Amino acid sequence: MPTIVHFDIAADDPERAKNFYEDLFAWKFVQTPGMPYYLIETTDLVGNKGVAGGLGKRGAPYQRISNFVGVESIEEYSAKVVELGGEVVQPKMAVPGWGYMAICTDTEGNSFGLWEENSGAM
């Protein structure tokens, strides 16, 4: 089955965006040699290797990305988003029988989703 194997985040200020995601999700960033680009290493909620990504300077105004990030608590991470300078544009809402979601923007105006799995969501 196809799955996301890489995500790319476009940023007006890559260092600011790097700091935002490091503080929010504890993602590890590795500067690529000779390029103004970071590779991103993620793990799932139990520490297994997750989807890899990248972060670099926005090349065009239309460059954006939106992926959903699994978290243990939408409330906790929504508060962290705001604390770190982002915005929650769609607060927590139930996807009945599946879980909860929220849509946020980061410090660069990129949208992303938070996803909390919960089969009892109503």
N, C-alpha and C. Protein backbone atom coordinates (compact mmCIF):
# COMPACT_ATOMS: atom_id res chain seq x y z
N MET A 1 0.84 -1.17 0.00
CA MET A 1 0.00 0.00 0.00
C MET A 1 0.89 1.25 0.00
N PRO A 2 0.62 2.25 -0.84
CA PRO A 2 1.40 3.47 -0.85
C PRO A 2 1.28 4.21 0.49
N THR A 3 2.35 4.89 0.89
CA THR A 3 2.35 5.66 2.13
C THR A 3 3.25 6.86 1.97
N ILE A 4 3.13 7.83 2.76
CA ILE A 4 4.02 9.00 2.71
C ILE A 4 5.41 8.54 3.14
N VAL A 5 6.39 8.85 2.33
CA VAL A 5 7.77 8.48 2.65
C VAL A 5 8.66 9.70 2.85
N HIS A 6 8.15 10.87 2.51
CA HIS A 6 8.91 12.10 2.68
C HIS A 6 7.93 13.27 2.68
N PHE A 7 8.25 14.28 3.45
CA PHE A 7 7.49 15.52 3.40
C PHE A 7 8.49 16.65 3.32
N ASP A 8 8.06 17.74 2.73
CA ASP A 8 8.95 18.88 2.54
C ASP A 8 8.24 20.13 3.04
N ILE A 9 8.94 20.89 3.84
CA ILE A 9 8.37 22.11 4.41
C ILE A 9 9.10 23.30 3.79
N ALA A 10 8.35 24.19 3.17
CA ALA A 10 8.91 25.42 2.60
C ALA A 10 8.80 26.52 3.65
N ALA A 11 9.88 27.28 3.82
CA ALA A 11 9.90 28.30 4.87
C ALA A 11 10.51 29.60 4.38
N ASP A 12 9.91 30.70 4.80
CA ASP A 12 10.50 32.01 4.53
C ASP A 12 11.76 32.18 5.39
N ASP A 13 11.72 31.67 6.60
CA ASP A 13 12.85 31.72 7.53
C ASP A 13 13.11 30.29 8.02
N PRO A 14 13.94 29.52 7.31
CA PRO A 14 14.15 28.11 7.67
C PRO A 14 14.59 27.88 9.10
N GLU A 15 15.44 28.74 9.65
CA GLU A 15 15.90 28.56 11.02
C GLU A 15 14.74 28.70 12.01
N ARG A 16 13.88 29.69 11.78
CA ARG A 16 12.71 29.89 12.64
C ARG A 16 11.79 28.68 12.56
N ALA A 17 11.56 28.19 11.33
CA ALA A 17 10.70 27.01 11.16
C ALA A 17 11.31 25.78 11.82
N LYS A 18 12.61 25.60 11.67
CA LYS A 18 13.33 24.48 12.31
C LYS A 18 13.11 24.53 13.82
N ASN A 19 13.30 25.69 14.41
CA ASN A 19 13.11 25.84 15.86
C ASN A 19 11.68 25.51 16.28
N PHE A 20 10.71 25.95 15.50
CA PHE A 20 9.30 25.68 15.78
C PHE A 20 9.05 24.18 15.86
N TYR A 21 9.45 23.43 14.83
CA TYR A 21 9.18 22.00 14.79
C TYR A 21 10.02 21.20 15.78
N GLU A 22 11.25 21.65 16.04
CA GLU A 22 12.06 20.99 17.07
C GLU A 22 11.37 21.10 18.43
N ASP A 23 10.89 22.31 18.75
CA ASP A 23 10.24 22.53 20.04
C ASP A 23 8.87 21.87 20.14
N LEU A 24 8.13 21.84 19.04
CA LEU A 24 6.79 21.27 19.06
C LEU A 24 6.79 19.74 19.09
N PHE A 25 7.54 19.10 18.21
CA PHE A 25 7.48 17.65 18.08
C PHE A 25 8.78 16.92 18.44
N ALA A 26 9.83 17.66 18.81
CA ALA A 26 11.15 17.09 19.12
C ALA A 26 11.74 16.37 17.91
N TRP A 27 11.44 16.86 16.69
CA TRP A 27 12.04 16.30 15.49
C TRP A 27 13.52 16.64 15.46
N LYS A 28 14.32 15.77 14.86
CA LYS A 28 15.76 15.99 14.73
C LYS A 28 16.04 16.55 13.33
N PHE A 29 16.80 17.65 13.28
CA PHE A 29 17.17 18.29 12.01
C PHE A 29 18.65 18.12 11.77
N VAL A 30 19.01 17.75 10.54
CA VAL A 30 20.41 17.57 10.15
C VAL A 30 20.67 18.46 8.94
N GLN A 31 21.60 19.39 9.08
CA GLN A 31 21.97 20.29 7.98
C GLN A 31 22.64 19.47 6.88
N THR A 32 22.19 19.65 5.64
CA THR A 32 22.83 18.94 4.53
C THR A 32 24.08 19.70 4.11
N PRO A 33 25.17 18.98 3.84
CA PRO A 33 26.43 19.63 3.46
C PRO A 33 26.28 20.41 2.14
N GLY A 34 26.74 21.66 2.15
CA GLY A 34 26.77 22.46 0.94
C GLY A 34 25.43 22.95 0.43
N MET A 35 24.36 22.76 1.21
CA MET A 35 23.02 23.19 0.78
C MET A 35 22.30 23.87 1.95
N PRO A 36 21.51 24.88 1.67
CA PRO A 36 20.70 25.48 2.72
C PRO A 36 19.41 24.66 2.92
N TYR A 37 19.56 23.44 3.38
CA TYR A 37 18.44 22.51 3.48
C TYR A 37 18.68 21.57 4.66
N TYR A 38 17.63 21.30 5.41
CA TYR A 38 17.71 20.37 6.54
C TYR A 38 16.97 19.08 6.20
N LEU A 39 17.54 17.96 6.59
CA LEU A 39 16.82 16.69 6.57
C LEU A 39 16.15 16.54 7.94
N ILE A 40 14.97 15.96 7.95
CA ILE A 40 14.21 15.83 9.19
C ILE A 40 14.04 14.35 9.50
N GLU A 41 14.37 13.97 10.73
CA GLU A 41 14.16 12.60 11.22
C GLU A 41 13.05 12.64 12.26
N THR A 42 12.08 11.74 12.10
CA THR A 42 10.96 11.67 13.04
C THR A 42 10.86 10.27 13.62
N THR A 43 10.12 10.17 14.72
CA THR A 43 9.78 8.87 15.30
C THR A 43 8.29 8.85 15.60
N ASP A 44 7.73 7.64 15.70
CA ASP A 44 6.32 7.55 16.06
C ASP A 44 6.17 7.70 17.58
N LEU A 45 4.96 7.52 18.08
CA LEU A 45 4.69 7.76 19.50
C LEU A 45 5.40 6.79 20.44
N VAL A 46 5.89 5.66 19.91
CA VAL A 46 6.61 4.70 20.76
C VAL A 46 8.10 4.65 20.45
N GLY A 47 8.58 5.58 19.61
CA GLY A 47 10.01 5.68 19.34
C GLY A 47 10.53 4.99 18.10
N ASN A 48 9.65 4.36 17.31
CA ASN A 48 10.08 3.74 16.06
C ASN A 48 10.34 4.80 15.00
N LYS A 49 11.25 4.50 14.08
CA LYS A 49 11.56 5.43 12.99
C LYS A 49 10.29 5.81 12.25
N GLY A 50 10.13 7.10 12.00
CA GLY A 50 8.95 7.59 11.32
C GLY A 50 9.26 8.10 9.93
N VAL A 51 8.35 8.84 9.37
CA VAL A 51 8.48 9.42 8.04
C VAL A 51 9.59 10.46 8.05
N ALA A 52 10.43 10.44 7.03
CA ALA A 52 11.51 11.42 6.90
C ALA A 52 11.03 12.61 6.08
N GLY A 53 11.67 13.74 6.31
CA GLY A 53 11.27 14.93 5.58
C GLY A 53 12.44 15.86 5.34
N GLY A 54 12.10 17.04 4.86
CA GLY A 54 13.09 18.07 4.61
C GLY A 54 12.50 19.45 4.81
N LEU A 55 13.38 20.42 5.04
CA LEU A 55 12.96 21.79 5.23
C LEU A 55 13.96 22.70 4.55
N GLY A 56 13.44 23.61 3.73
CA GLY A 56 14.31 24.55 3.04
C GLY A 56 13.60 25.85 2.75
N LYS A 57 14.32 26.75 2.14
CA LYS A 57 13.80 28.08 1.80
C LYS A 57 12.67 27.96 0.79
N ARG A 58 11.60 28.71 1.03
CA ARG A 58 10.46 28.72 0.11
C ARG A 58 10.92 29.30 -1.22
N GLY A 59 10.63 28.59 -2.30
CA GLY A 59 11.06 29.04 -3.63
C GLY A 59 10.00 29.83 -4.38
N ALA A 60 8.75 29.65 -4.00
CA ALA A 60 7.65 30.36 -4.65
C ALA A 60 6.53 30.54 -3.64
N PRO A 61 5.76 31.61 -3.76
CA PRO A 61 4.70 31.88 -2.78
C PRO A 61 3.68 30.76 -2.62
N TYR A 62 3.47 29.96 -3.66
CA TYR A 62 2.45 28.91 -3.60
C TYR A 62 2.95 27.63 -2.92
N GLN A 63 4.24 27.53 -2.61
CA GLN A 63 4.76 26.31 -1.98
C GLN A 63 4.19 26.16 -0.58
N ARG A 64 3.46 25.09 -0.36
CA ARG A 64 2.87 24.78 0.95
C ARG A 64 2.79 23.26 1.07
N ILE A 65 2.58 22.80 2.30
CA ILE A 65 2.40 21.37 2.53
C ILE A 65 1.42 21.19 3.68
N SER A 66 0.74 20.10 3.67
CA SER A 66 -0.14 19.78 4.78
C SER A 66 -0.15 18.27 4.99
N ASN A 67 0.36 17.87 6.09
CA ASN A 67 0.33 16.47 6.50
C ASN A 67 -0.24 16.42 7.91
N PHE A 68 -0.74 15.28 8.29
CA PHE A 68 -1.24 15.11 9.65
C PHE A 68 -0.18 14.43 10.50
N VAL A 69 0.00 14.96 11.69
CA VAL A 69 1.00 14.44 12.63
C VAL A 69 0.27 13.80 13.79
N GLY A 70 0.55 12.53 14.08
CA GLY A 70 -0.09 11.81 15.18
C GLY A 70 0.46 12.29 16.52
N VAL A 71 -0.44 12.67 17.42
CA VAL A 71 -0.05 13.12 18.76
C VAL A 71 -0.92 12.40 19.79
N GLU A 72 -0.47 12.40 21.02
CA GLU A 72 -1.24 11.77 22.09
C GLU A 72 -2.39 12.64 22.56
N SER A 73 -2.25 13.96 22.45
CA SER A 73 -3.28 14.87 22.93
C SER A 73 -3.38 16.10 22.03
N ILE A 74 -4.51 16.26 21.36
CA ILE A 74 -4.74 17.44 20.52
C ILE A 74 -4.69 18.70 21.38
N GLU A 75 -5.29 18.65 22.57
CA GLU A 75 -5.31 19.84 23.44
C GLU A 75 -3.89 20.28 23.78
N GLU A 76 -3.04 19.34 24.18
CA GLU A 76 -1.67 19.66 24.56
C GLU A 76 -0.91 20.29 23.40
N TYR A 77 -1.00 19.69 22.23
CA TYR A 77 -0.24 20.18 21.09
C TYR A 77 -0.84 21.44 20.49
N SER A 78 -2.15 21.62 20.58
CA SER A 78 -2.76 22.87 20.13
C SER A 78 -2.24 24.04 20.97
N ALA A 79 -2.15 23.81 22.27
CA ALA A 79 -1.61 24.86 23.16
C ALA A 79 -0.15 25.15 22.82
N LYS A 80 0.63 24.11 22.53
CA LYS A 80 2.04 24.31 22.18
C LYS A 80 2.18 25.06 20.86
N VAL A 81 1.31 24.77 19.90
CA VAL A 81 1.34 25.48 18.62
C VAL A 81 1.23 26.98 18.86
N VAL A 82 0.24 27.39 19.64
CA VAL A 82 0.02 28.81 19.93
C VAL A 82 1.19 29.39 20.69
N GLU A 83 1.66 28.67 21.70
CA GLU A 83 2.79 29.12 22.52
C GLU A 83 4.04 29.38 21.67
N LEU A 84 4.23 28.59 20.62
CA LEU A 84 5.43 28.70 19.79
C LEU A 84 5.26 29.65 18.60
N GLY A 85 4.12 30.33 18.53
CA GLY A 85 3.93 31.32 17.49
C GLY A 85 3.09 30.88 16.31
N GLY A 86 2.54 29.67 16.37
CA GLY A 86 1.66 29.20 15.31
C GLY A 86 0.22 29.55 15.62
N GLU A 87 -0.70 28.99 14.85
CA GLU A 87 -2.12 29.27 15.03
C GLU A 87 -2.92 27.99 14.82
N VAL A 88 -3.96 27.81 15.63
CA VAL A 88 -4.90 26.71 15.43
C VAL A 88 -6.06 27.31 14.63
N VAL A 89 -6.19 26.89 13.37
CA VAL A 89 -7.22 27.47 12.50
C VAL A 89 -8.51 26.65 12.49
N GLN A 90 -8.42 25.38 12.83
CA GLN A 90 -9.61 24.52 13.00
C GLN A 90 -9.40 23.77 14.30
N PRO A 91 -10.07 24.18 15.38
CA PRO A 91 -9.87 23.50 16.67
C PRO A 91 -10.27 22.02 16.60
N LYS A 92 -9.93 21.32 17.64
CA LYS A 92 -10.21 19.88 17.76
C LYS A 92 -11.64 19.58 17.36
N MET A 93 -11.76 18.60 16.47
CA MET A 93 -13.09 18.12 16.09
C MET A 93 -13.04 16.61 15.96
N ALA A 94 -14.15 15.98 16.26
CA ALA A 94 -14.22 14.52 16.21
C ALA A 94 -14.41 14.03 14.78
N VAL A 95 -13.75 12.94 14.49
CA VAL A 95 -14.03 12.15 13.30
C VAL A 95 -14.60 10.86 13.89
N PRO A 96 -15.94 10.79 14.04
CA PRO A 96 -16.58 9.72 14.79
C PRO A 96 -16.08 8.32 14.45
N GLY A 97 -15.71 7.61 15.51
CA GLY A 97 -15.24 6.24 15.36
C GLY A 97 -13.77 6.12 14.99
N TRP A 98 -13.12 7.22 14.73
CA TRP A 98 -11.72 7.18 14.28
C TRP A 98 -10.77 7.94 15.20
N GLY A 99 -11.14 9.18 15.53
CA GLY A 99 -10.24 10.00 16.35
C GLY A 99 -10.61 11.46 16.28
N TYR A 100 -9.62 12.29 16.55
CA TYR A 100 -9.83 13.74 16.59
C TYR A 100 -8.77 14.40 15.71
N MET A 101 -9.15 15.55 15.15
CA MET A 101 -8.20 16.29 14.33
C MET A 101 -8.29 17.77 14.63
N ALA A 102 -7.22 18.48 14.30
CA ALA A 102 -7.18 19.93 14.34
C ALA A 102 -6.28 20.37 13.20
N ILE A 103 -6.54 21.54 12.65
CA ILE A 103 -5.70 22.10 11.59
C ILE A 103 -5.01 23.33 12.15
N CYS A 104 -3.70 23.40 11.90
CA CYS A 104 -2.89 24.49 12.44
C CYS A 104 -2.05 25.10 11.33
N THR A 105 -1.48 26.26 11.63
CA THR A 105 -0.45 26.83 10.77
C THR A 105 0.79 27.06 11.63
N ASP A 106 1.95 26.94 10.99
CA ASP A 106 3.20 27.16 11.70
C ASP A 106 3.62 28.63 11.57
N THR A 107 4.81 28.94 12.00
CA THR A 107 5.32 30.32 11.95
C THR A 107 5.54 30.82 10.52
N GLU A 108 5.51 29.92 9.54
CA GLU A 108 5.73 30.28 8.14
C GLU A 108 4.45 30.33 7.33
N GLY A 109 3.31 30.08 7.97
CA GLY A 109 2.04 30.07 7.27
C GLY A 109 1.70 28.73 6.63
N ASN A 110 2.52 27.70 6.87
CA ASN A 110 2.24 26.36 6.35
C ASN A 110 1.16 25.71 7.20
N SER A 111 0.23 25.04 6.55
CA SER A 111 -0.80 24.33 7.31
C SER A 111 -0.37 22.90 7.57
N PHE A 112 -0.81 22.37 8.69
CA PHE A 112 -0.59 20.97 9.03
C PHE A 112 -1.71 20.55 9.96
N GLY A 113 -1.93 19.24 10.02
CA GLY A 113 -2.97 18.71 10.89
C GLY A 113 -2.38 17.98 12.07
N LEU A 114 -3.12 18.01 13.16
CA LEU A 114 -2.83 17.17 14.32
C LEU A 114 -3.87 16.07 14.33
N TRP A 115 -3.43 14.85 14.62
CA TRP A 115 -4.34 13.70 14.63
C TRP A 115 -4.16 12.92 15.91
N GLU A 116 -5.26 12.67 16.62
CA GLU A 116 -5.27 11.87 17.84
C GLU A 116 -6.17 10.69 17.60
N GLU A 117 -5.60 9.50 17.53
CA GLU A 117 -6.37 8.30 17.29
C GLU A 117 -7.22 7.97 18.50
N ASN A 118 -8.51 7.67 18.27
CA ASN A 118 -9.42 7.30 19.36
C ASN A 118 -10.70 6.75 18.73
N SER A 119 -10.84 5.43 18.77
CA SER A 119 -12.01 4.80 18.13
C SER A 119 -13.32 5.18 18.81
N GLY A 120 -13.24 5.74 20.02
CA GLY A 120 -14.45 6.17 20.74
C GLY A 120 -14.83 7.61 20.46
N ALA A 121 -14.16 8.27 19.55
CA ALA A 121 -14.45 9.68 19.26
C ALA A 121 -15.88 9.85 18.78
N MET A 122 -16.54 10.83 19.31
CA MET A 122 -17.93 11.12 18.92
C MET A 122 -18.09 12.60 18.63
